[in-house]
Amino acid sequence: MTRNGNKRVINLESAMTELPVDSPASTPERVQVLSTSMHIRDLSIERPSIIAYLQNIAPEKLEIALVHALEVGITEMQLRRGRFRQ
């Protein structure tokens, strides 16, 4: 990442390369799925492509951006799984 004036410039090509990450085991305290909501606490995500994407979003919009990213990702995963079942 470099700075261009006041704007951050991120090399997305290198950021898109996923590095293997040893993630700590999820516990009910970190990710909790309830009947109508989900809670995520103290979860560290060390994936360059995710960080690069979120760094370009205004801080006040980060939460909704993360929710949208989850929606898009889950929709894509459901579609792929549906194709494999056929």
N, C-alpha and C. Protein backbone atom coordinates (compact mmCIF):
# COMPACT_ATOMS: atom_id res chain seq x y z
N MET A 1 0.85 -1.16 0.00
CA MET A 1 0.00 0.00 0.00
C MET A 1 0.90 1.22 0.00
N THR A 2 0.56 2.18 -0.83
CA THR A 2 1.29 3.44 -0.88
C THR A 2 0.29 4.58 -0.74
N ARG A 3 0.83 5.77 -0.51
CA ARG A 3 -0.03 6.94 -0.40
C ARG A 3 0.14 7.80 -1.64
N ASN A 4 -0.98 8.28 -2.16
CA ASN A 4 -1.00 9.18 -3.29
C ASN A 4 -1.73 10.43 -2.83
N GLY A 5 -1.01 11.42 -2.32
CA GLY A 5 -1.65 12.56 -1.70
C GLY A 5 -2.29 12.11 -0.40
N ASN A 6 -3.58 12.32 -0.23
CA ASN A 6 -4.30 11.87 0.95
C ASN A 6 -5.00 10.54 0.72
N LYS A 7 -4.85 9.97 -0.45
CA LYS A 7 -5.58 8.76 -0.80
C LYS A 7 -4.66 7.54 -0.71
N ARG A 8 -5.16 6.47 -0.15
CA ARG A 8 -4.40 5.22 -0.09
C ARG A 8 -4.54 4.48 -1.41
N VAL A 9 -3.43 3.97 -1.91
CA VAL A 9 -3.44 3.17 -3.13
C VAL A 9 -2.94 1.78 -2.75
N ILE A 10 -3.74 0.78 -3.09
CA ILE A 10 -3.42 -0.58 -2.71
C ILE A 10 -3.17 -1.41 -3.96
N ASN A 11 -2.10 -2.17 -3.96
CA ASN A 11 -1.82 -3.07 -5.06
C ASN A 11 -2.72 -4.29 -4.88
N LEU A 12 -3.87 -4.30 -5.57
CA LEU A 12 -4.84 -5.37 -5.40
C LEU A 12 -4.35 -6.70 -5.93
N GLU A 13 -3.48 -6.67 -6.95
CA GLU A 13 -2.98 -7.93 -7.49
C GLU A 13 -2.25 -8.73 -6.41
N SER A 14 -1.40 -8.08 -5.64
CA SER A 14 -0.70 -8.80 -4.58
C SER A 14 -1.63 -9.06 -3.41
N ALA A 15 -2.59 -8.17 -3.19
CA ALA A 15 -3.52 -8.35 -2.07
C ALA A 15 -4.48 -9.50 -2.33
N MET A 16 -4.74 -9.83 -3.58
CA MET A 16 -5.71 -10.88 -3.89
C MET A 16 -5.13 -12.27 -3.66
N THR A 17 -3.85 -12.39 -3.48
CA THR A 17 -3.24 -13.69 -3.22
C THR A 17 -3.52 -14.07 -1.77
N GLU A 18 -4.26 -15.15 -1.60
CA GLU A 18 -4.59 -15.59 -0.26
C GLU A 18 -3.43 -16.37 0.34
N LEU A 19 -3.06 -16.01 1.52
CA LEU A 19 -2.00 -16.71 2.22
C LEU A 19 -2.62 -17.73 3.16
N PRO A 20 -2.02 -18.90 3.30
CA PRO A 20 -2.57 -19.84 4.28
C PRO A 20 -2.45 -19.25 5.68
N VAL A 21 -3.53 -19.31 6.40
CA VAL A 21 -3.56 -18.71 7.73
C VAL A 21 -4.06 -19.77 8.70
N ASP A 22 -3.30 -19.96 9.78
CA ASP A 22 -3.77 -20.84 10.84
C ASP A 22 -4.76 -20.04 11.67
N SER A 23 -6.03 -20.39 11.56
CA SER A 23 -7.03 -19.64 12.31
C SER A 23 -7.34 -20.35 13.61
N PRO A 24 -7.52 -19.56 14.66
CA PRO A 24 -7.87 -20.19 15.93
C PRO A 24 -9.24 -20.83 15.81
N ALA A 25 -9.45 -21.87 16.57
CA ALA A 25 -10.73 -22.56 16.53
C ALA A 25 -11.85 -21.61 16.92
N SER A 26 -12.93 -21.65 16.16
CA SER A 26 -14.08 -20.83 16.51
C SER A 26 -14.74 -21.37 17.75
N THR A 27 -15.13 -20.48 18.60
CA THR A 27 -15.82 -20.88 19.82
C THR A 27 -17.16 -20.17 19.85
N PRO A 28 -18.11 -20.66 20.61
CA PRO A 28 -19.40 -19.97 20.69
C PRO A 28 -19.25 -18.51 21.11
N GLU A 29 -18.19 -18.19 21.84
CA GLU A 29 -17.99 -16.81 22.26
C GLU A 29 -17.59 -15.90 21.09
N ARG A 30 -16.93 -16.43 20.08
CA ARG A 30 -16.50 -15.61 18.94
C ARG A 30 -17.58 -15.47 17.89
N VAL A 31 -18.14 -16.56 17.46
CA VAL A 31 -19.20 -16.53 16.44
C VAL A 31 -20.40 -17.24 17.02
N GLN A 32 -21.47 -16.51 17.17
CA GLN A 32 -22.68 -17.07 17.76
C GLN A 32 -23.84 -16.82 16.82
N VAL A 33 -24.47 -17.89 16.35
CA VAL A 33 -25.62 -17.79 15.46
C VAL A 33 -26.86 -18.13 16.27
N LEU A 34 -27.76 -17.17 16.36
CA LEU A 34 -29.00 -17.34 17.10
C LEU A 34 -30.14 -17.53 16.09
N SER A 35 -31.34 -17.61 16.56
CA SER A 35 -32.47 -17.85 15.66
C SER A 35 -32.72 -16.69 14.69
N THR A 36 -32.46 -15.46 15.09
CA THR A 36 -32.74 -14.32 14.21
C THR A 36 -31.57 -13.36 14.07
N SER A 37 -30.43 -13.69 14.65
CA SER A 37 -29.28 -12.78 14.55
C SER A 37 -27.97 -13.57 14.71
N MET A 38 -26.89 -12.86 14.42
CA MET A 38 -25.55 -13.44 14.52
C MET A 38 -24.67 -12.44 15.24
N HIS A 39 -23.82 -12.93 16.13
CA HIS A 39 -22.89 -12.06 16.84
C HIS A 39 -21.46 -12.54 16.56
N ILE A 40 -20.60 -11.59 16.22
CA ILE A 40 -19.18 -11.89 15.99
C ILE A 40 -18.39 -11.01 16.95
N ARG A 41 -17.58 -11.64 17.78
CA ARG A 41 -16.80 -10.89 18.77
C ARG A 41 -15.33 -11.30 18.69
N ASP A 42 -14.46 -10.32 18.76
CA ASP A 42 -13.03 -10.56 18.86
C ASP A 42 -12.54 -11.56 17.82
N LEU A 43 -12.96 -11.37 16.59
CA LEU A 43 -12.56 -12.26 15.50
C LEU A 43 -11.50 -11.54 14.67
N SER A 44 -10.37 -12.17 14.47
CA SER A 44 -9.30 -11.59 13.68
C SER A 44 -9.29 -12.24 12.30
N ILE A 45 -9.36 -11.44 11.26
CA ILE A 45 -9.34 -11.93 9.88
C ILE A 45 -8.07 -11.39 9.23
N GLU A 46 -7.21 -12.28 8.82
CA GLU A 46 -5.92 -11.89 8.26
C GLU A 46 -5.81 -12.35 6.81
N ARG A 47 -6.78 -11.95 6.01
CA ARG A 47 -6.79 -12.27 4.58
C ARG A 47 -6.56 -10.99 3.79
N PRO A 48 -5.47 -10.91 3.05
CA PRO A 48 -5.12 -9.67 2.36
C PRO A 48 -6.23 -9.11 1.46
N SER A 49 -6.94 -9.96 0.75
CA SER A 49 -7.98 -9.43 -0.15
C SER A 49 -9.12 -8.81 0.63
N ILE A 50 -9.47 -9.37 1.77
CA ILE A 50 -10.54 -8.82 2.60
C ILE A 50 -10.10 -7.48 3.18
N ILE A 51 -8.88 -7.43 3.70
CA ILE A 51 -8.36 -6.19 4.28
C ILE A 51 -8.28 -5.10 3.21
N ALA A 52 -7.78 -5.44 2.04
CA ALA A 52 -7.65 -4.46 0.96
C ALA A 52 -9.01 -3.89 0.57
N TYR A 53 -10.01 -4.74 0.49
CA TYR A 53 -11.35 -4.27 0.14
C TYR A 53 -11.90 -3.33 1.21
N LEU A 54 -11.83 -3.75 2.45
CA LEU A 54 -12.43 -2.96 3.53
C LEU A 54 -11.67 -1.67 3.83
N GLN A 55 -10.38 -1.61 3.52
CA GLN A 55 -9.62 -0.39 3.77
C GLN A 55 -10.10 0.78 2.91
N ASN A 56 -10.77 0.50 1.83
CA ASN A 56 -11.24 1.55 0.93
C ASN A 56 -12.66 2.02 1.25
N ILE A 57 -13.22 1.56 2.35
CA ILE A 57 -14.58 1.92 2.74
C ILE A 57 -14.53 2.85 3.95
N ALA A 58 -15.38 3.86 3.92
CA ALA A 58 -15.43 4.82 5.02
C ALA A 58 -15.76 4.11 6.33
N PRO A 59 -15.10 4.48 7.42
CA PRO A 59 -15.31 3.81 8.70
C PRO A 59 -16.77 3.70 9.12
N GLU A 60 -17.56 4.73 8.85
CA GLU A 60 -18.96 4.68 9.26
C GLU A 60 -19.79 3.72 8.41
N LYS A 61 -19.22 3.22 7.31
CA LYS A 61 -19.94 2.28 6.44
C LYS A 61 -19.38 0.86 6.52
N LEU A 62 -18.39 0.64 7.36
CA LEU A 62 -17.75 -0.67 7.44
C LEU A 62 -18.71 -1.79 7.86
N GLU A 63 -19.55 -1.52 8.83
CA GLU A 63 -20.44 -2.58 9.32
C GLU A 63 -21.40 -3.04 8.22
N ILE A 64 -22.03 -2.11 7.52
CA ILE A 64 -22.97 -2.50 6.46
C ILE A 64 -22.22 -3.13 5.29
N ALA A 65 -21.00 -2.66 5.02
CA ALA A 65 -20.19 -3.27 3.95
C ALA A 65 -19.86 -4.72 4.28
N LEU A 66 -19.57 -5.00 5.53
CA LEU A 66 -19.28 -6.37 5.94
C LEU A 66 -20.53 -7.24 5.83
N VAL A 67 -21.68 -6.71 6.23
CA VAL A 67 -22.93 -7.45 6.09
C VAL A 67 -23.21 -7.75 4.63
N HIS A 68 -23.04 -6.76 3.75
CA HIS A 68 -23.26 -6.98 2.31
C HIS A 68 -22.30 -8.02 1.76
N ALA A 69 -21.04 -7.96 2.18
CA ALA A 69 -20.06 -8.94 1.72
C ALA A 69 -20.45 -10.36 2.15
N LEU A 70 -20.94 -10.49 3.37
CA LEU A 70 -21.42 -11.80 3.83
C LEU A 70 -22.61 -12.27 3.00
N GLU A 71 -23.55 -11.36 2.72
CA GLU A 71 -24.72 -11.72 1.91
C GLU A 71 -24.31 -12.20 0.53
N VAL A 72 -23.42 -11.46 -0.11
CA VAL A 72 -22.96 -11.83 -1.46
C VAL A 72 -22.22 -13.16 -1.42
N GLY A 73 -21.34 -13.32 -0.45
CA GLY A 73 -20.58 -14.56 -0.34
C GLY A 73 -21.47 -15.77 -0.07
N ILE A 74 -22.43 -15.62 0.81
CA ILE A 74 -23.32 -16.73 1.12
C ILE A 74 -24.21 -17.05 -0.08
N THR A 75 -24.70 -16.03 -0.77
CA THR A 75 -25.51 -16.27 -1.97
C THR A 75 -24.70 -17.03 -3.00
N GLU A 76 -23.45 -16.64 -3.21
CA GLU A 76 -22.59 -17.32 -4.18
C GLU A 76 -22.33 -18.77 -3.77
N MET A 77 -22.08 -18.99 -2.49
CA MET A 77 -21.83 -20.36 -2.01
C MET A 77 -23.07 -21.23 -2.20
N GLN A 78 -24.26 -20.69 -1.94
CA GLN A 78 -25.48 -21.45 -2.12
C GLN A 78 -25.70 -21.80 -3.58
N LEU A 79 -25.42 -20.87 -4.48
CA LEU A 79 -25.56 -21.14 -5.92
C LEU A 79 -24.58 -22.22 -6.36
N ARG A 80 -23.34 -22.14 -5.92
CA ARG A 80 -22.35 -23.16 -6.29
C ARG A 80 -22.73 -24.53 -5.77
N ARG A 81 -23.19 -24.59 -4.54
CA ARG A 81 -23.60 -25.88 -3.98
C ARG A 81 -24.78 -26.45 -4.74
N GLY A 82 -25.69 -25.59 -5.17
CA GLY A 82 -26.83 -26.04 -5.97
C GLY A 82 -26.40 -26.62 -7.29
N ARG A 83 -25.37 -26.05 -7.92
CA ARG A 83 -24.86 -26.58 -9.19
C ARG A 83 -24.21 -27.93 -9.02
N PHE A 84 -23.52 -28.13 -7.90
CA PHE A 84 -22.87 -29.42 -7.65
C PHE A 84 -23.88 -30.52 -7.39
N ARG A 85 -25.03 -30.19 -6.85
CA ARG A 85 -26.05 -31.19 -6.53
C ARG A 85 -26.74 -31.70 -7.78
N GLN A 86 -26.73 -30.91 -8.85
CA GLN A 86 -27.45 -31.31 -10.07
C GLN A 86 -26.68 -32.30 -10.88
